[in-house]
C-alpha atoms as a PDB file:
ATOM      1  CA  MET A   1     -81.733 214.769 -24.313  1.00  0.00           C
ATOM      2  CA  ALA A   2     -85.231 214.390 -23.080  1.00  0.00           C
ATOM      3  CA  LYS A   3     -88.150 216.288 -24.160  1.00  0.00           C
ATOM      4  CA  PHE A   4     -89.446 218.794 -21.264  1.00  0.00           C
ATOM      5  CA  HIS A   5     -92.884 220.095 -20.706  1.00  0.00           C
ATOM      6  CA  ILE A   6     -90.830 223.615 -21.139  1.00  0.00           C
ATOM      7  CA  LYS A   7     -88.825 225.403 -23.899  1.00  0.00           C
ATOM      8  CA  LYS A   8     -86.736 228.338 -23.835  1.00  0.00           C
ATOM      9  CA  GLY A   9     -89.032 231.423 -24.323  1.00  0.00           C
ATOM     10  CA  ASP A  10     -91.922 230.249 -23.022  1.00  0.00           C
ATOM     11  CA  THR A  11     -93.730 231.971 -19.625  1.00  0.00           C
ATOM     12  CA  VAL A  12     -93.574 230.196 -16.639  1.00  0.00           C
ATOM     13  CA  LYS A  13     -94.937 230.163 -13.065  1.00  0.00           C
ATOM     14  CA  VAL A  14     -93.336 229.124 -10.047  1.00  0.00           C
ATOM     15  CA  LEU A  15     -95.080 226.412  -7.866  1.00  0.00           C
ATOM     16  CA  ALA A  16     -92.586 226.258  -5.084  1.00  0.00           C
ATOM     17  CA  GLY A  17     -89.957 228.312  -2.785  1.00  0.00           C
ATOM     18  CA  GLU A  18     -89.065 231.711  -2.330  1.00  0.00           C
ATOM     19  CA  TYR A  19     -90.624 233.301  -5.689  1.00  0.00           C
ATOM     20  CA  LYS A  20     -93.761 231.205  -5.552  1.00  0.00           C
ATOM     21  CA  GLY A  21     -96.649 232.396  -7.596  1.00  0.00           C
ATOM     22  CA  GLN A  22     -94.398 234.803  -9.814  1.00  0.00           C
ATOM     23  CA  THR A  23     -94.176 234.196 -13.344  1.00  0.00           C
ATOM     24  CA  GLY A  24     -91.193 235.203 -15.757  1.00  0.00           C
ATOM     25  CA  LYS A  25     -89.599 233.795 -18.996  1.00  0.00           C
ATOM     26  CA  VAL A  26     -87.393 231.080 -19.752  1.00  0.00           C
ATOM     27  CA  ILE A  27     -84.138 232.416 -20.870  1.00  0.00           C
ATOM     28  CA  GLU A  28     -82.064 229.319 -20.790  1.00  0.00           C
ATOM     29  CA  MET A  29     -82.577 225.672 -20.686  1.00  0.00           C
ATOM     30  CA  LEU A  30     -80.075 223.061 -18.614  1.00  0.00           C
ATOM     31  CA  GLY A  31     -81.413 219.809 -19.692  1.00  0.00           C
ATOM     32  CA  GLU A  32     -78.708 217.648 -18.425  1.00  0.00           C
ATOM     33  CA  LYS A  33     -79.599 219.059 -14.530  1.00  0.00           C
ATOM     34  CA  ASN A  34     -83.649 219.334 -15.619  1.00  0.00           C
ATOM     35  CA  LYS A  35     -83.346 223.072 -14.602  1.00  0.00           C
ATOM     36  CA  ALA A  36     -83.978 226.047 -16.299  1.00  0.00           C
ATOM     37  CA  LEU A  37     -82.891 229.836 -15.911  1.00  0.00           C
ATOM     38  CA  VAL A  38     -85.971 232.257 -15.525  1.00  0.00           C
ATOM     39  CA  GLU A  39     -85.466 235.913 -16.113  1.00  0.00           C
ATOM     40  CA  GLY A  40     -86.193 237.585 -12.490  1.00  0.00           C
ATOM     41  CA  ILE A  41     -86.832 234.389 -10.246  1.00  0.00           C
ATOM     42  CA  ASN A  42     -84.105 232.816  -8.127  1.00  0.00           C
ATOM     43  CA  VAL A  43     -81.608 235.932  -8.360  1.00  0.00           C
ATOM     44  CA  VAL A  44     -78.516 235.589  -6.604  1.00  0.00           C
ATOM     45  CA  LYS A  45     -75.521 237.894  -5.712  1.00  0.00           C
ATOM     46  CA  LYS A  46     -72.239 236.742  -6.977  1.00  0.00           C
ATOM     47  CA  HIS A  47     -69.219 238.278  -6.051  1.00  0.00           C
ATOM     48  CA  GLU A  48     -66.593 238.388  -9.537  1.00  0.00           C
ATOM     49  CA  LYS A  49     -63.005 238.708  -9.394  1.00  0.00           C
ATOM     50  CA  PRO A  50     -61.864 241.934 -12.019  1.00  0.00           C
ATOM     51  CA  SER A  51     -61.625 240.344 -15.536  1.00  0.00           C
ATOM     52  CA  ALA A  52     -61.058 241.622 -19.170  1.00  0.00           C
ATOM     53  CA  SER A  53     -64.719 241.561 -19.344  1.00  0.00           C
ATOM     54  CA  ASN A  54     -66.016 242.969 -16.134  1.00  0.00           C
ATOM     55  CA  PRO A  55     -62.747 245.163 -15.230  1.00  0.00           C
ATOM     56  CA  GLN A  56     -64.296 246.817 -12.199  1.00  0.00           C
ATOM     57  CA  GLY A  57     -65.309 243.021 -10.377  1.00  0.00           C
ATOM     58  CA  GLY A  58     -67.685 243.417  -7.340  1.00  0.00           C
ATOM     59  CA  ILE A  59     -70.879 241.982  -6.591  1.00  0.00           C
ATOM     60  CA  ILE A  60     -73.417 241.070  -9.260  1.00  0.00           C
ATOM     61  CA  GLU A  61     -77.092 239.716  -9.487  1.00  0.00           C
ATOM     62  CA  LYS A  62     -77.863 236.890 -11.669  1.00  0.00           C
ATOM     63  CA  GLU A  63     -80.464 234.184 -12.171  1.00  0.00           C
ATOM     64  CA  ALA A  64     -79.811 230.758 -10.819  1.00  0.00           C
ATOM     65  CA  PRO A  65     -81.315 227.706 -12.047  1.00  0.00           C
ATOM     66  CA  ILE A  66     -84.522 226.620 -10.666  1.00  0.00           C
ATOM     67  CA  HIS A  67     -85.850 222.787 -10.982  1.00  0.00           C
ATOM     68  CA  LEU A  68     -88.300 222.188 -14.157  1.00  0.00           C
ATOM     69  CA  SER A  69     -90.639 220.301 -11.378  1.00  0.00           C
ATOM     70  CA  ASN A  70     -91.196 223.422  -9.427  1.00  0.00           C
ATOM     71  CA  LEU A  71     -92.185 225.200 -12.743  1.00  0.00           C
ATOM     72  CA  MET A  72     -95.653 225.583 -14.777  1.00  0.00           C
ATOM     73  CA  TYR A  73     -96.386 226.751 -18.176  1.00  0.00           C
ATOM     74  CA  VAL A  74     -98.296 229.616 -18.769  1.00  0.00           C
ATOM     75  CA  ASP A  75    -100.691 230.447 -21.642  1.00  0.00           C
ATOM     76  CA  ALA A  76    -101.337 233.534 -23.390  1.00  0.00           C
ATOM     77  CA  ASP A  77    -104.302 234.147 -21.328  1.00  0.00           C
ATOM     78  CA  GLY A  78    -102.206 234.214 -18.197  1.00  0.00           C
ATOM     79  CA  LYS A  79    -103.638 230.726 -16.866  1.00  0.00           C
ATOM     80  CA  ALA A  80    -101.424 228.108 -15.725  1.00  0.00           C
ATOM     81  CA  SER A  81    -101.598 224.633 -17.223  1.00  0.00           C
ATOM     82  CA  ARG A  82    -100.476 221.374 -17.546  1.00  0.00           C
ATOM     83  CA  ILE A  83     -98.936 220.109 -20.580  1.00  0.00           C
ATOM     84  CA  GLY A  84     -99.851 217.354 -22.808  1.00  0.00           C
ATOM     85  CA  ARG A  85     -98.275 216.426 -26.573  1.00  0.00           C
ATOM     86  CA  LYS A  86    -100.719 215.019 -29.178  1.00  0.00           C
ATOM     87  CA  ALA A  87    -100.195 214.594 -32.964  1.00  0.00           C
ATOM     88  CA  ASP A  88    -101.524 217.750 -35.208  1.00  0.00           C
ATOM     89  CA  GLU A  89    -103.073 216.930 -38.853  1.00  0.00           C
ATOM     90  CA  ASN A  90     -99.574 216.223 -40.427  1.00  0.00           C
ATOM     91  CA  GLY A  91     -98.487 213.318 -37.575  1.00  0.00           C
ATOM     92  CA  LYS A  92     -96.033 215.384 -36.203  1.00  0.00           C
ATOM     93  CA  LEU A  93     -96.036 215.724 -32.370  1.00  0.00           C
ATOM     94  CA  VAL A  94     -97.128 219.253 -30.534  1.00  0.00           C
ATOM     95  CA  ARG A  95     -97.444 220.360 -27.209  1.00  0.00           C
ATOM     96  CA  TYR A  96    -100.872 221.690 -26.359  1.00  0.00           C
ATOM     97  CA  SER A  97    -102.538 223.089 -23.068  1.00  0.00           C
ATOM     98  CA  LYS A  98    -104.394 220.593 -21.489  1.00  0.00           C
ATOM     99  CA  LYS A  99    -106.525 223.600 -19.523  1.00  0.00           C
ATOM    100  CA  THR A 100    -107.681 225.164 -22.872  1.00  0.00           C
ATOM    101  CA  GLU A 101    -106.601 222.284 -25.371  1.00  0.00           C
ATOM    102  CA  ASP A 102    -105.095 225.273 -27.585  1.00  0.00           C
ATOM    103  CA  ILE A 103    -101.908 224.044 -29.364  1.00  0.00           C
ATOM    104  CA  ILE A 104     -98.420 226.038 -28.101  1.00  0.00           C
ATOM    105  CA  LYS A 105     -96.381 227.082 -30.621  1.00  0.00           C
END
């Protein structure tokens, strides 16, 4: 699978669409589709039939995937930044914020 500029657990900012400017935490990465689920972003209503796990059924709200090109990493200071990769002192590739040059854990 390809390496992406964001990972599960990162805080991201939405760059385009209805939720432009809002931030949220990445819940899940959908690598094959180049999309991610972000907490509280791109919420849609879905009609569900009654089932064993949801005996009531009805209309539920859940996050829909958003394309990775519309997301930007937000560092601990709350500033959106582009992501780069460089080797650390052990020679392992790590992500870093291009704005602050800080290594991302």
